N, C-alpha and C. Protein backbone atom coordinates (compact mmCIF):
# COMPACT_ATOMS: atom_id res chain seq x y z
N MET A 1 -54.20 -80.57 217.05
CA MET A 1 -52.97 -80.70 217.77
C MET A 1 -53.01 -81.96 218.64
N LYS A 2 -51.95 -82.71 218.67
CA LYS A 2 -51.92 -83.95 219.43
C LYS A 2 -51.69 -83.65 220.90
N PHE A 3 -52.45 -84.33 221.74
CA PHE A 3 -52.25 -84.22 223.17
C PHE A 3 -51.05 -85.05 223.58
N ARG A 4 -50.23 -84.52 224.41
CA ARG A 4 -49.11 -85.28 224.93
C ARG A 4 -49.57 -86.20 226.05
N ILE A 5 -48.71 -87.20 226.37
CA ILE A 5 -49.07 -88.19 227.40
C ILE A 5 -49.34 -87.50 228.72
N ARG A 6 -48.54 -86.47 229.04
CA ARG A 6 -48.73 -85.77 230.31
C ARG A 6 -50.07 -85.09 230.36
N PHE A 7 -50.51 -84.55 229.23
CA PHE A 7 -51.81 -83.90 229.17
C PHE A 7 -52.93 -84.90 229.34
N ARG A 8 -52.78 -86.08 228.73
CA ARG A 8 -53.80 -87.12 228.87
C ARG A 8 -53.92 -87.56 230.32
N GLU A 9 -52.78 -87.70 231.00
CA GLU A 9 -52.82 -88.11 232.40
C GLU A 9 -53.51 -87.06 233.26
N MET A 10 -53.26 -85.79 232.95
CA MET A 10 -53.91 -84.72 233.68
C MET A 10 -55.42 -84.76 233.48
N LEU A 11 -55.86 -84.96 232.23
CA LEU A 11 -57.29 -85.01 231.93
C LEU A 11 -57.96 -86.19 232.60
N SER A 12 -57.29 -87.36 232.60
CA SER A 12 -57.91 -88.55 233.16
C SER A 12 -58.21 -88.39 234.64
N LYS A 13 -57.36 -87.65 235.35
CA LYS A 13 -57.59 -87.43 236.77
C LYS A 13 -58.82 -86.57 237.02
N ARG A 14 -59.09 -85.64 236.08
CA ARG A 14 -60.21 -84.72 236.27
C ARG A 14 -61.51 -85.25 235.68
N LEU A 15 -61.40 -86.05 234.61
CA LEU A 15 -62.60 -86.48 233.90
C LEU A 15 -63.48 -87.38 234.74
N GLY A 16 -62.87 -88.20 235.63
CA GLY A 16 -63.67 -89.10 236.45
C GLY A 16 -64.69 -88.35 237.28
N LEU A 17 -64.22 -87.31 237.98
CA LEU A 17 -65.11 -86.51 238.81
C LEU A 17 -66.13 -85.77 237.97
N VAL A 18 -65.69 -85.21 236.84
CA VAL A 18 -66.61 -84.46 235.98
C VAL A 18 -67.70 -85.36 235.42
N ILE A 19 -67.33 -86.54 234.90
CA ILE A 19 -68.30 -87.45 234.31
C ILE A 19 -69.29 -87.95 235.35
N ALA A 20 -68.78 -88.28 236.54
CA ALA A 20 -69.67 -88.74 237.61
C ALA A 20 -70.68 -87.67 237.98
N SER A 21 -70.21 -86.43 238.06
CA SER A 21 -71.11 -85.31 238.39
C SER A 21 -72.15 -85.11 237.30
N CYS A 22 -71.72 -85.22 236.03
CA CYS A 22 -72.65 -85.03 234.91
C CYS A 22 -73.72 -86.12 234.89
N LEU A 23 -73.31 -87.37 235.13
CA LEU A 23 -74.27 -88.47 235.14
C LEU A 23 -75.30 -88.28 236.24
N LEU A 24 -74.83 -87.84 237.41
CA LEU A 24 -75.76 -87.59 238.52
C LEU A 24 -76.71 -86.47 238.17
N LEU A 25 -76.19 -85.42 237.54
CA LEU A 25 -77.02 -84.29 237.15
C LEU A 25 -78.07 -84.68 236.13
N MET A 26 -77.66 -85.48 235.14
CA MET A 26 -78.60 -85.88 234.09
C MET A 26 -79.59 -86.93 234.57
N ALA A 27 -79.20 -87.69 235.59
CA ALA A 27 -80.11 -88.71 236.13
C ALA A 27 -81.21 -88.09 236.97
N SER A 28 -80.97 -86.86 237.45
CA SER A 28 -81.96 -86.18 238.29
C SER A 28 -82.24 -84.79 237.75
N PRO A 29 -82.76 -84.68 236.53
CA PRO A 29 -82.95 -83.36 235.92
C PRO A 29 -84.12 -82.62 236.56
N VAL A 30 -84.07 -81.30 236.40
CA VAL A 30 -85.19 -80.47 236.84
C VAL A 30 -86.29 -80.59 235.80
N ARG A 31 -87.43 -81.18 236.19
CA ARG A 31 -88.49 -81.44 235.23
C ARG A 31 -89.66 -80.48 235.49
N ALA A 32 -89.49 -79.26 235.05
CA ALA A 32 -90.56 -78.29 235.22
C ALA A 32 -91.74 -78.64 234.34
N HIS A 33 -91.45 -79.24 233.14
CA HIS A 33 -92.50 -79.62 232.22
C HIS A 33 -92.18 -81.00 231.69
N SER A 34 -92.71 -82.05 232.31
CA SER A 34 -92.35 -83.41 231.92
C SER A 34 -92.74 -83.73 230.49
N ASP A 35 -93.75 -83.05 229.95
CA ASP A 35 -94.16 -83.32 228.59
C ASP A 35 -93.20 -82.72 227.57
N HIS A 36 -92.17 -82.01 228.03
CA HIS A 36 -91.20 -81.42 227.13
C HIS A 36 -89.98 -82.32 226.93
N ASP A 37 -89.94 -83.49 227.56
CA ASP A 37 -88.75 -84.33 227.50
C ASP A 37 -88.33 -84.64 226.07
N ASP A 38 -89.29 -84.91 225.18
CA ASP A 38 -88.96 -85.28 223.81
C ASP A 38 -88.31 -84.13 223.05
N TYR A 39 -88.48 -82.92 223.52
CA TYR A 39 -87.92 -81.77 222.82
C TYR A 39 -86.48 -81.49 223.23
N TYR A 40 -85.96 -82.19 224.24
CA TYR A 40 -84.63 -81.92 224.74
C TYR A 40 -83.76 -83.18 224.69
N PRO A 41 -83.50 -83.73 223.51
CA PRO A 41 -82.61 -84.90 223.40
C PRO A 41 -81.16 -84.46 223.49
N PHE A 42 -80.25 -85.43 223.46
CA PHE A 42 -78.84 -85.11 223.36
C PHE A 42 -78.56 -84.45 222.00
N TYR A 43 -77.48 -83.70 221.94
CA TYR A 43 -77.16 -83.03 220.68
C TYR A 43 -75.64 -83.04 220.46
N GLY A 44 -75.25 -82.81 219.21
CA GLY A 44 -73.84 -82.68 218.84
C GLY A 44 -73.69 -81.65 217.76
N GLY A 45 -72.47 -81.17 217.55
CA GLY A 45 -72.30 -80.15 216.54
C GLY A 45 -70.85 -79.78 216.29
N PHE A 46 -70.67 -78.85 215.36
CA PHE A 46 -69.35 -78.37 214.96
C PHE A 46 -69.44 -76.86 214.78
N ALA A 47 -68.41 -76.14 215.22
CA ALA A 47 -68.36 -74.69 215.07
C ALA A 47 -67.02 -74.27 214.52
N LEU A 48 -67.03 -73.23 213.69
CA LEU A 48 -65.82 -72.71 213.07
C LEU A 48 -65.80 -71.19 213.24
N GLY A 49 -64.64 -70.65 213.56
CA GLY A 49 -64.55 -69.21 213.75
C GLY A 49 -63.11 -68.76 213.80
N PHE A 50 -62.84 -67.72 214.61
CA PHE A 50 -61.47 -67.24 214.75
C PHE A 50 -61.19 -66.90 216.20
N SER A 51 -59.93 -67.05 216.57
CA SER A 51 -59.47 -66.76 217.92
C SER A 51 -58.48 -65.61 217.88
N GLY A 52 -58.37 -64.90 218.98
CA GLY A 52 -57.43 -63.80 219.04
C GLY A 52 -56.99 -63.53 220.46
N SER A 53 -55.83 -62.88 220.62
CA SER A 53 -55.30 -62.52 221.93
C SER A 53 -54.60 -61.19 221.81
N ASP A 54 -54.57 -60.44 222.89
CA ASP A 54 -53.92 -59.13 222.89
C ASP A 54 -53.20 -58.98 224.22
N GLU A 55 -51.99 -59.51 224.29
CA GLU A 55 -51.24 -59.52 225.54
C GLU A 55 -49.78 -59.18 225.28
N ASP A 56 -49.08 -58.64 226.27
CA ASP A 56 -47.63 -58.46 226.21
C ASP A 56 -46.98 -59.74 226.67
N CYS A 57 -46.24 -60.38 225.78
CA CYS A 57 -45.68 -61.70 226.05
C CYS A 57 -44.30 -61.56 226.68
N ASP A 58 -44.27 -61.39 227.99
CA ASP A 58 -43.03 -61.12 228.69
C ASP A 58 -42.08 -62.31 228.69
N TYR A 59 -42.62 -63.49 228.54
CA TYR A 59 -41.78 -64.69 228.67
C TYR A 59 -40.66 -64.69 227.64
N TYR A 60 -41.00 -64.40 226.37
CA TYR A 60 -39.99 -64.36 225.32
C TYR A 60 -39.67 -62.93 224.88
N GLY A 61 -40.30 -61.95 225.50
CA GLY A 61 -40.00 -60.56 225.16
C GLY A 61 -40.56 -60.12 223.83
N TYR A 62 -41.78 -60.57 223.47
CA TYR A 62 -42.40 -60.11 222.23
C TYR A 62 -43.89 -59.92 222.47
N ASN A 63 -44.55 -59.32 221.51
CA ASN A 63 -45.99 -59.08 221.62
C ASN A 63 -46.73 -60.14 220.81
N CYS A 64 -47.70 -60.83 221.45
CA CYS A 64 -48.36 -61.96 220.78
C CYS A 64 -49.72 -61.59 220.22
N ASP A 65 -49.92 -60.32 219.85
CA ASP A 65 -51.16 -59.97 219.16
C ASP A 65 -51.32 -60.86 217.93
N GLY A 66 -52.51 -61.30 217.67
CA GLY A 66 -52.73 -62.11 216.47
C GLY A 66 -54.05 -62.82 216.53
N ASP A 67 -54.39 -63.47 215.44
CA ASP A 67 -55.61 -64.25 215.40
C ASP A 67 -55.43 -65.38 214.40
N ASP A 68 -56.27 -66.40 214.51
CA ASP A 68 -56.16 -67.56 213.65
C ASP A 68 -57.52 -68.26 213.62
N THR A 69 -57.65 -69.22 212.72
CA THR A 69 -58.87 -70.02 212.65
C THR A 69 -58.96 -70.92 213.87
N ALA A 70 -60.15 -71.01 214.43
CA ALA A 70 -60.42 -71.90 215.56
C ALA A 70 -61.64 -72.76 215.22
N PHE A 71 -61.68 -73.96 215.80
CA PHE A 71 -62.85 -74.81 215.60
C PHE A 71 -63.08 -75.67 216.83
N LYS A 72 -64.28 -76.23 216.91
CA LYS A 72 -64.58 -77.14 218.02
C LYS A 72 -65.66 -78.14 217.62
N PHE A 73 -65.59 -79.30 218.25
CA PHE A 73 -66.64 -80.30 218.21
C PHE A 73 -67.28 -80.31 219.59
N TYR A 74 -68.60 -80.35 219.64
CA TYR A 74 -69.25 -80.28 220.94
C TYR A 74 -70.45 -81.22 221.00
N GLY A 75 -70.83 -81.55 222.22
CA GLY A 75 -72.01 -82.37 222.46
C GLY A 75 -72.56 -82.04 223.83
N GLY A 76 -73.85 -82.26 224.01
CA GLY A 76 -74.43 -81.93 225.29
C GLY A 76 -75.86 -82.40 225.43
N LYS A 77 -76.49 -81.90 226.47
CA LYS A 77 -77.86 -82.26 226.80
C LYS A 77 -78.57 -81.05 227.38
N ARG A 78 -79.64 -80.65 226.74
CA ARG A 78 -80.52 -79.61 227.31
C ARG A 78 -81.57 -80.34 228.13
N PHE A 79 -81.41 -80.32 229.44
CA PHE A 79 -82.29 -81.12 230.29
C PHE A 79 -83.36 -80.29 230.99
N HIS A 80 -83.45 -79.02 230.63
CA HIS A 80 -84.50 -78.14 231.15
C HIS A 80 -84.66 -76.98 230.18
N GLU A 81 -85.80 -76.34 230.20
CA GLU A 81 -86.04 -75.22 229.29
C GLU A 81 -84.97 -74.15 229.41
N ASN A 82 -84.40 -74.00 230.61
CA ASN A 82 -83.45 -72.93 230.86
C ASN A 82 -82.04 -73.39 231.21
N LEU A 83 -81.73 -74.67 231.00
CA LEU A 83 -80.43 -75.17 231.43
C LEU A 83 -79.94 -76.31 230.55
N ALA A 84 -78.64 -76.29 230.22
CA ALA A 84 -78.02 -77.35 229.43
C ALA A 84 -76.58 -77.55 229.92
N PHE A 85 -76.06 -78.75 229.66
CA PHE A 85 -74.65 -79.04 229.95
C PHE A 85 -73.97 -79.42 228.64
N GLU A 86 -72.73 -78.95 228.45
CA GLU A 86 -72.04 -79.18 227.18
C GLU A 86 -70.56 -79.48 227.40
N ILE A 87 -70.03 -80.41 226.58
CA ILE A 87 -68.61 -80.73 226.54
C ILE A 87 -68.11 -80.47 225.13
N SER A 88 -66.93 -79.86 225.00
CA SER A 88 -66.40 -79.60 223.66
C SER A 88 -64.89 -79.81 223.64
N TYR A 89 -64.40 -80.27 222.48
CA TYR A 89 -62.97 -80.24 222.21
C TYR A 89 -62.71 -79.02 221.34
N GLN A 90 -61.78 -78.17 221.76
CA GLN A 90 -61.53 -76.92 221.05
C GLN A 90 -60.08 -76.84 220.59
N ASP A 91 -59.91 -76.52 219.32
CA ASP A 91 -58.60 -76.18 218.77
C ASP A 91 -58.61 -74.68 218.56
N LEU A 92 -57.78 -73.97 219.31
CA LEU A 92 -57.81 -72.51 219.30
C LEU A 92 -56.88 -71.90 218.28
N GLY A 93 -56.26 -72.74 217.45
CA GLY A 93 -55.41 -72.22 216.39
C GLY A 93 -54.05 -71.78 216.89
N LYS A 94 -53.36 -71.03 216.04
CA LYS A 94 -51.99 -70.59 216.30
C LYS A 94 -51.94 -69.07 216.36
N LEU A 95 -51.42 -68.55 217.44
CA LEU A 95 -51.15 -67.12 217.56
C LEU A 95 -49.66 -66.91 217.33
N ASP A 96 -49.30 -65.97 216.47
CA ASP A 96 -47.89 -65.80 216.16
C ASP A 96 -47.52 -64.33 216.03
N ASP A 97 -46.22 -64.11 216.00
CA ASP A 97 -45.70 -62.75 215.85
C ASP A 97 -44.35 -62.83 215.17
N GLU A 98 -44.10 -61.92 214.23
CA GLU A 98 -42.81 -61.84 213.56
C GLU A 98 -42.16 -60.52 213.92
N ARG A 99 -40.96 -60.62 214.48
CA ARG A 99 -40.23 -59.42 214.85
C ARG A 99 -38.79 -59.57 214.37
N GLY A 100 -38.48 -58.89 213.27
CA GLY A 100 -37.16 -59.05 212.67
C GLY A 100 -36.99 -60.46 212.13
N SER A 101 -35.96 -61.11 212.57
CA SER A 101 -35.69 -62.48 212.12
C SER A 101 -36.26 -63.53 213.05
N VAL A 102 -37.02 -63.09 214.05
CA VAL A 102 -37.56 -64.01 215.05
C VAL A 102 -39.06 -64.20 214.85
N THR A 103 -39.50 -65.44 214.75
CA THR A 103 -40.93 -65.77 214.66
C THR A 103 -41.32 -66.57 215.90
N THR A 104 -42.41 -66.17 216.53
CA THR A 104 -42.86 -66.85 217.74
C THR A 104 -44.30 -67.32 217.54
N THR A 105 -44.61 -68.51 218.05
CA THR A 105 -45.96 -69.05 217.91
C THR A 105 -46.42 -69.71 219.20
N ALA A 106 -47.73 -69.78 219.36
CA ALA A 106 -48.36 -70.51 220.46
C ALA A 106 -49.60 -71.20 219.91
N GLU A 107 -49.70 -72.51 220.12
CA GLU A 107 -50.84 -73.30 219.65
C GLU A 107 -51.53 -73.92 220.86
N SER A 108 -52.84 -73.67 221.00
CA SER A 108 -53.58 -74.13 222.18
C SER A 108 -54.78 -74.98 221.79
N SER A 109 -55.09 -75.95 222.62
CA SER A 109 -56.28 -76.78 222.44
C SER A 109 -56.67 -77.37 223.79
N GLY A 110 -57.85 -77.99 223.87
CA GLY A 110 -58.25 -78.59 225.13
C GLY A 110 -59.70 -78.99 225.16
N LEU A 111 -60.14 -79.47 226.33
CA LEU A 111 -61.52 -79.86 226.57
C LEU A 111 -62.20 -78.83 227.45
N ASN A 112 -63.38 -78.39 227.02
CA ASN A 112 -64.13 -77.39 227.76
C ASN A 112 -65.43 -77.99 228.29
N PHE A 113 -65.74 -77.73 229.55
CA PHE A 113 -66.96 -78.20 230.20
C PHE A 113 -67.74 -76.98 230.66
N SER A 114 -69.02 -76.88 230.28
CA SER A 114 -69.76 -75.67 230.61
C SER A 114 -71.24 -75.94 230.86
N LEU A 115 -71.83 -75.10 231.71
CA LEU A 115 -73.27 -75.05 231.92
C LEU A 115 -73.83 -73.86 231.15
N HIS A 116 -74.98 -74.05 230.49
CA HIS A 116 -75.61 -73.00 229.70
C HIS A 116 -76.90 -72.55 230.37
N GLY A 117 -77.02 -71.28 230.62
CA GLY A 117 -78.28 -70.70 231.06
C GLY A 117 -79.02 -70.17 229.85
N ILE A 118 -80.25 -70.64 229.61
CA ILE A 118 -80.97 -70.38 228.36
C ILE A 118 -82.17 -69.47 228.60
N ILE A 119 -82.32 -68.48 227.74
CA ILE A 119 -83.49 -67.58 227.77
C ILE A 119 -84.21 -67.71 226.44
N PRO A 120 -85.33 -68.45 226.39
CA PRO A 120 -86.09 -68.59 225.13
C PRO A 120 -86.68 -67.24 224.70
N ILE A 121 -86.60 -66.96 223.40
CA ILE A 121 -87.22 -65.76 222.84
C ILE A 121 -88.53 -66.12 222.16
N SER A 122 -88.54 -67.27 221.49
CA SER A 122 -89.72 -67.79 220.82
C SER A 122 -89.55 -69.29 220.70
N ASP A 123 -90.42 -69.94 219.93
CA ASP A 123 -90.28 -71.38 219.71
C ASP A 123 -89.05 -71.71 218.88
N PHE A 124 -88.45 -70.70 218.24
CA PHE A 124 -87.34 -70.95 217.32
C PHE A 124 -86.03 -70.29 217.73
N TRP A 125 -86.10 -69.26 218.58
CA TRP A 125 -84.90 -68.51 218.95
C TRP A 125 -84.67 -68.57 220.45
N TYR A 126 -83.37 -68.58 220.85
CA TYR A 126 -83.06 -68.39 222.26
C TYR A 126 -81.66 -67.79 222.43
N PHE A 127 -81.50 -67.03 223.51
CA PHE A 127 -80.19 -66.54 223.94
C PHE A 127 -79.65 -67.49 225.00
N TYR A 128 -78.33 -67.52 225.15
CA TYR A 128 -77.76 -68.30 226.25
C TYR A 128 -76.44 -67.67 226.72
N GLY A 129 -76.19 -67.86 228.00
CA GLY A 129 -74.90 -67.54 228.59
C GLY A 129 -74.27 -68.83 229.07
N LYS A 130 -72.95 -68.89 229.13
CA LYS A 130 -72.28 -70.12 229.51
C LYS A 130 -71.10 -69.82 230.43
N ALA A 131 -70.83 -70.77 231.34
CA ALA A 131 -69.69 -70.65 232.24
C ALA A 131 -69.20 -72.05 232.56
N GLY A 132 -67.89 -72.19 232.72
CA GLY A 132 -67.33 -73.50 233.03
C GLY A 132 -65.83 -73.43 233.17
N PHE A 133 -65.14 -74.50 232.74
CA PHE A 133 -63.69 -74.53 232.81
C PHE A 133 -63.13 -75.32 231.64
N MET A 134 -61.87 -75.03 231.32
CA MET A 134 -61.20 -75.71 230.22
C MET A 134 -59.90 -76.35 230.71
N ALA A 135 -59.72 -77.63 230.39
CA ALA A 135 -58.44 -78.32 230.60
C ALA A 135 -57.66 -78.17 229.31
N TRP A 136 -56.61 -77.35 229.32
CA TRP A 136 -55.96 -76.91 228.09
C TRP A 136 -54.48 -77.28 228.06
N GLU A 137 -53.92 -77.25 226.85
CA GLU A 137 -52.49 -77.39 226.64
C GLU A 137 -52.06 -76.41 225.57
N THR A 138 -50.91 -75.78 225.76
CA THR A 138 -50.35 -74.86 224.78
C THR A 138 -48.92 -75.25 224.45
N ASP A 139 -48.60 -75.29 223.15
CA ASP A 139 -47.24 -75.54 222.68
C ASP A 139 -46.64 -74.23 222.20
N TYR A 140 -45.43 -73.94 222.63
CA TYR A 140 -44.75 -72.69 222.29
C TYR A 140 -43.53 -72.98 221.41
N THR A 141 -43.30 -72.14 220.41
CA THR A 141 -42.12 -72.26 219.56
C THR A 141 -41.58 -70.87 219.25
N ARG A 142 -40.27 -70.71 219.41
CA ARG A 142 -39.59 -69.46 219.06
C ARG A 142 -38.47 -69.80 218.08
N VAL A 143 -38.59 -69.25 216.87
CA VAL A 143 -37.62 -69.56 215.81
C VAL A 143 -36.83 -68.30 215.50
N GLY A 144 -35.52 -68.37 215.73
CA GLY A 144 -34.62 -67.27 215.42
C GLY A 144 -33.30 -67.85 215.00
N THR A 145 -32.22 -67.43 215.68
CA THR A 145 -30.92 -68.06 215.44
C THR A 145 -30.91 -69.50 215.92
N SER A 146 -31.84 -69.81 216.82
CA SER A 146 -32.06 -71.18 217.29
C SER A 146 -33.55 -71.39 217.47
N ILE A 147 -33.95 -72.62 217.70
CA ILE A 147 -35.37 -72.94 217.91
C ILE A 147 -35.57 -73.35 219.36
N THR A 148 -36.49 -72.67 220.03
CA THR A 148 -36.82 -72.98 221.41
C THR A 148 -38.26 -73.44 221.48
N SER A 149 -38.49 -74.60 222.11
CA SER A 149 -39.85 -75.14 222.25
C SER A 149 -40.15 -75.42 223.70
N SER A 150 -41.40 -75.22 224.08
CA SER A 150 -41.85 -75.55 225.43
C SER A 150 -43.35 -75.77 225.38
N ASP A 151 -43.90 -76.23 226.48
CA ASP A 151 -45.35 -76.42 226.54
C ASP A 151 -45.82 -76.18 227.96
N ASP A 152 -47.11 -75.95 228.08
CA ASP A 152 -47.73 -75.72 229.38
C ASP A 152 -49.14 -76.25 229.34
N ASP A 153 -49.72 -76.53 230.49
CA ASP A 153 -51.12 -76.96 230.55
C ASP A 153 -51.72 -76.51 231.87
N GLY A 154 -53.02 -76.56 231.93
CA GLY A 154 -53.71 -76.13 233.14
C GLY A 154 -55.20 -76.28 233.00
N THR A 155 -55.93 -75.84 234.02
CA THR A 155 -57.39 -75.85 234.02
C THR A 155 -57.86 -74.49 234.51
N ASP A 156 -58.61 -73.77 233.67
CA ASP A 156 -58.98 -72.41 234.02
C ASP A 156 -60.42 -72.08 233.59
N PHE A 157 -60.91 -70.99 234.15
CA PHE A 157 -62.30 -70.55 234.00
C PHE A 157 -62.57 -70.07 232.57
N THR A 158 -63.76 -70.39 232.06
CA THR A 158 -64.21 -69.91 230.76
C THR A 158 -65.64 -69.38 230.88
N PHE A 159 -66.00 -68.46 229.99
CA PHE A 159 -67.38 -67.98 229.95
C PHE A 159 -67.69 -67.51 228.54
N GLY A 160 -68.96 -67.29 228.26
CA GLY A 160 -69.35 -66.84 226.93
C GLY A 160 -70.83 -66.60 226.82
N ALA A 161 -71.29 -66.32 225.61
CA ALA A 161 -72.70 -66.05 225.33
C ALA A 161 -72.96 -66.29 223.86
N GLY A 162 -74.24 -66.53 223.52
CA GLY A 162 -74.57 -66.76 222.13
C GLY A 162 -76.05 -66.66 221.86
N VAL A 163 -76.41 -66.83 220.60
CA VAL A 163 -77.80 -66.85 220.18
C VAL A 163 -77.97 -68.03 219.23
N ALA A 164 -79.13 -68.71 219.31
CA ALA A 164 -79.35 -69.91 218.50
C ALA A 164 -80.71 -69.86 217.83
N PHE A 165 -80.79 -70.46 216.65
CA PHE A 165 -82.03 -70.56 215.89
C PHE A 165 -82.29 -72.04 215.60
N ILE A 166 -83.46 -72.54 215.98
CA ILE A 166 -83.83 -73.95 215.79
C ILE A 166 -84.74 -74.06 214.57
N PHE A 167 -84.45 -75.05 213.69
CA PHE A 167 -85.33 -75.26 212.54
C PHE A 167 -85.53 -76.76 212.32
N ASN A 168 -86.70 -77.10 211.79
CA ASN A 168 -87.11 -78.49 211.55
C ASN A 168 -87.10 -79.34 212.81
N GLU A 169 -87.06 -78.71 213.98
CA GLU A 169 -87.08 -79.38 215.28
C GLU A 169 -85.91 -80.34 215.48
N LYS A 170 -84.96 -80.37 214.55
CA LYS A 170 -83.83 -81.29 214.64
C LYS A 170 -82.48 -80.61 214.50
N TYR A 171 -82.49 -79.36 214.02
CA TYR A 171 -81.23 -78.69 213.73
C TYR A 171 -81.21 -77.31 214.38
N GLU A 172 -79.99 -76.82 214.55
CA GLU A 172 -79.81 -75.54 215.22
C GLU A 172 -78.61 -74.82 214.61
N PHE A 173 -78.76 -73.54 214.45
CA PHE A 173 -77.66 -72.68 214.00
C PHE A 173 -77.36 -71.71 215.12
N ARG A 174 -76.08 -71.58 215.49
CA ARG A 174 -75.72 -70.70 216.60
C ARG A 174 -74.52 -69.82 216.27
N GLY A 175 -74.55 -68.63 216.86
CA GLY A 175 -73.40 -67.73 216.83
C GLY A 175 -72.96 -67.51 218.27
N GLU A 176 -71.64 -67.52 218.50
CA GLU A 176 -71.16 -67.58 219.89
C GLU A 176 -69.88 -66.79 220.10
N PHE A 177 -69.78 -66.21 221.30
CA PHE A 177 -68.57 -65.57 221.79
C PHE A 177 -68.10 -66.34 223.02
N GLU A 178 -66.78 -66.61 223.12
CA GLU A 178 -66.22 -67.28 224.29
C GLU A 178 -64.94 -66.57 224.73
N ARG A 179 -64.75 -66.54 226.04
CA ARG A 179 -63.52 -65.98 226.62
C ARG A 179 -62.88 -67.08 227.46
N LEU A 180 -61.64 -67.43 227.12
CA LEU A 180 -60.91 -68.49 227.80
C LEU A 180 -59.79 -67.84 228.60
N ASN A 181 -59.96 -67.80 229.90
CA ASN A 181 -59.07 -67.02 230.76
C ASN A 181 -57.81 -67.78 231.14
N GLU A 182 -56.70 -67.04 231.31
CA GLU A 182 -55.46 -67.49 231.93
C GLU A 182 -54.79 -68.64 231.20
N LEU A 183 -55.00 -68.75 229.88
CA LEU A 183 -54.20 -69.68 229.10
C LEU A 183 -52.83 -69.06 228.83
N ASP A 184 -51.96 -69.83 228.19
CA ASP A 184 -50.64 -69.34 227.78
C ASP A 184 -49.82 -68.84 228.97
N ASP A 185 -49.71 -69.66 230.02
CA ASP A 185 -49.01 -69.20 231.21
C ASP A 185 -47.53 -68.91 230.98
N ASN A 186 -46.94 -69.47 229.94
CA ASN A 186 -45.56 -69.15 229.64
C ASN A 186 -45.40 -67.78 228.99
N PHE A 187 -46.51 -67.15 228.65
CA PHE A 187 -46.44 -65.85 227.97
C PHE A 187 -46.48 -64.70 228.98
N THR A 188 -47.42 -64.72 229.88
CA THR A 188 -47.60 -63.61 230.81
C THR A 188 -47.74 -64.13 232.23
N PRO A 189 -47.21 -63.42 233.21
CA PRO A 189 -47.40 -63.84 234.60
C PRO A 189 -48.88 -63.91 234.93
N GLY A 190 -49.33 -65.05 235.46
CA GLY A 190 -50.74 -65.21 235.77
C GLY A 190 -51.58 -65.67 234.61
N GLY A 191 -50.99 -65.72 233.40
CA GLY A 191 -51.73 -66.21 232.24
C GLY A 191 -52.37 -65.10 231.43
N SER A 192 -52.56 -65.36 230.15
CA SER A 192 -53.25 -64.43 229.26
C SER A 192 -54.62 -65.01 228.92
N TYR A 193 -55.26 -64.50 227.91
CA TYR A 193 -56.58 -64.99 227.54
C TYR A 193 -56.65 -65.17 226.03
N ILE A 194 -57.63 -65.97 225.60
CA ILE A 194 -57.95 -66.11 224.19
C ILE A 194 -59.44 -65.88 224.02
N THR A 195 -59.81 -65.06 223.05
CA THR A 195 -61.21 -64.79 222.74
C THR A 195 -61.56 -65.47 221.43
N VAL A 196 -62.72 -66.13 221.40
CA VAL A 196 -63.15 -66.88 220.21
C VAL A 196 -64.54 -66.41 219.78
N PHE A 197 -64.70 -66.14 218.49
CA PHE A 197 -66.00 -65.89 217.88
C PHE A 197 -66.24 -66.99 216.86
N SER A 198 -67.42 -67.62 216.90
CA SER A 198 -67.65 -68.77 216.00
C SER A 198 -69.10 -68.87 215.57
N LEU A 199 -69.32 -69.59 214.46
CA LEU A 199 -70.63 -69.97 213.98
C LEU A 199 -70.69 -71.49 213.96
N GLY A 200 -71.80 -72.06 214.42
CA GLY A 200 -71.87 -73.51 214.53
C GLY A 200 -73.20 -74.09 214.07
N GLY A 201 -73.17 -75.37 213.74
CA GLY A 201 -74.37 -76.12 213.38
C GLY A 201 -74.56 -77.28 214.33
N THR A 202 -75.78 -77.47 214.82
CA THR A 202 -76.09 -78.49 215.81
C THR A 202 -77.17 -79.41 215.29
N PHE A 203 -77.08 -80.70 215.61
CA PHE A 203 -78.15 -81.63 215.30
C PHE A 203 -78.55 -82.36 216.57
N TYR A 204 -79.86 -82.58 216.72
CA TYR A 204 -80.39 -83.27 217.89
C TYR A 204 -80.47 -84.77 217.62
N ILE A 205 -80.02 -85.56 218.59
CA ILE A 205 -79.96 -87.01 218.46
C ILE A 205 -81.22 -87.60 219.07
N GLU A 206 -82.09 -88.15 218.22
CA GLU A 206 -83.36 -88.70 218.69
C GLU A 206 -83.15 -90.02 219.42
């Protein structure tokens, strides 16, 4: 989904502070084991899954239960055995509902910033929890006797958890759950949520 100019302006105001904070954090990492530095390079990856929501959509007077394909591109840095920082672009897909002759849709995407708390299980497996925030935009369309379009954006809390398997010391396979709170503000007072389940592949950048 294309970001609108207003969304880009909103992101630019927030990204400066976020990037400065990240650079400071990465410049002064917690080095519990300095000989482990080579094992924690920068990484990037792609994940594919499905998103879903279960809310009463009071704004247009319909129920927006539904699910769709979701995907994300992500990159980050594991700078300690138990801590990593990650940035991702997420396309949350389209949630829709058909009621009689009226079809309603909501398409959401955005940038997510999160800290990961990591619990190693072995040299190859680890669990992680994540928390952060997402700068998001949602496009709304209602098609009936006429077509009504609107959009909304904001910055809201996100959290999740996952499990990862490392192989060949360069690649990683992960399964993940994420909860994106208070998106779709035009749907419900105070915002609704989107839940995402995904599988992803990661490669470490030497």
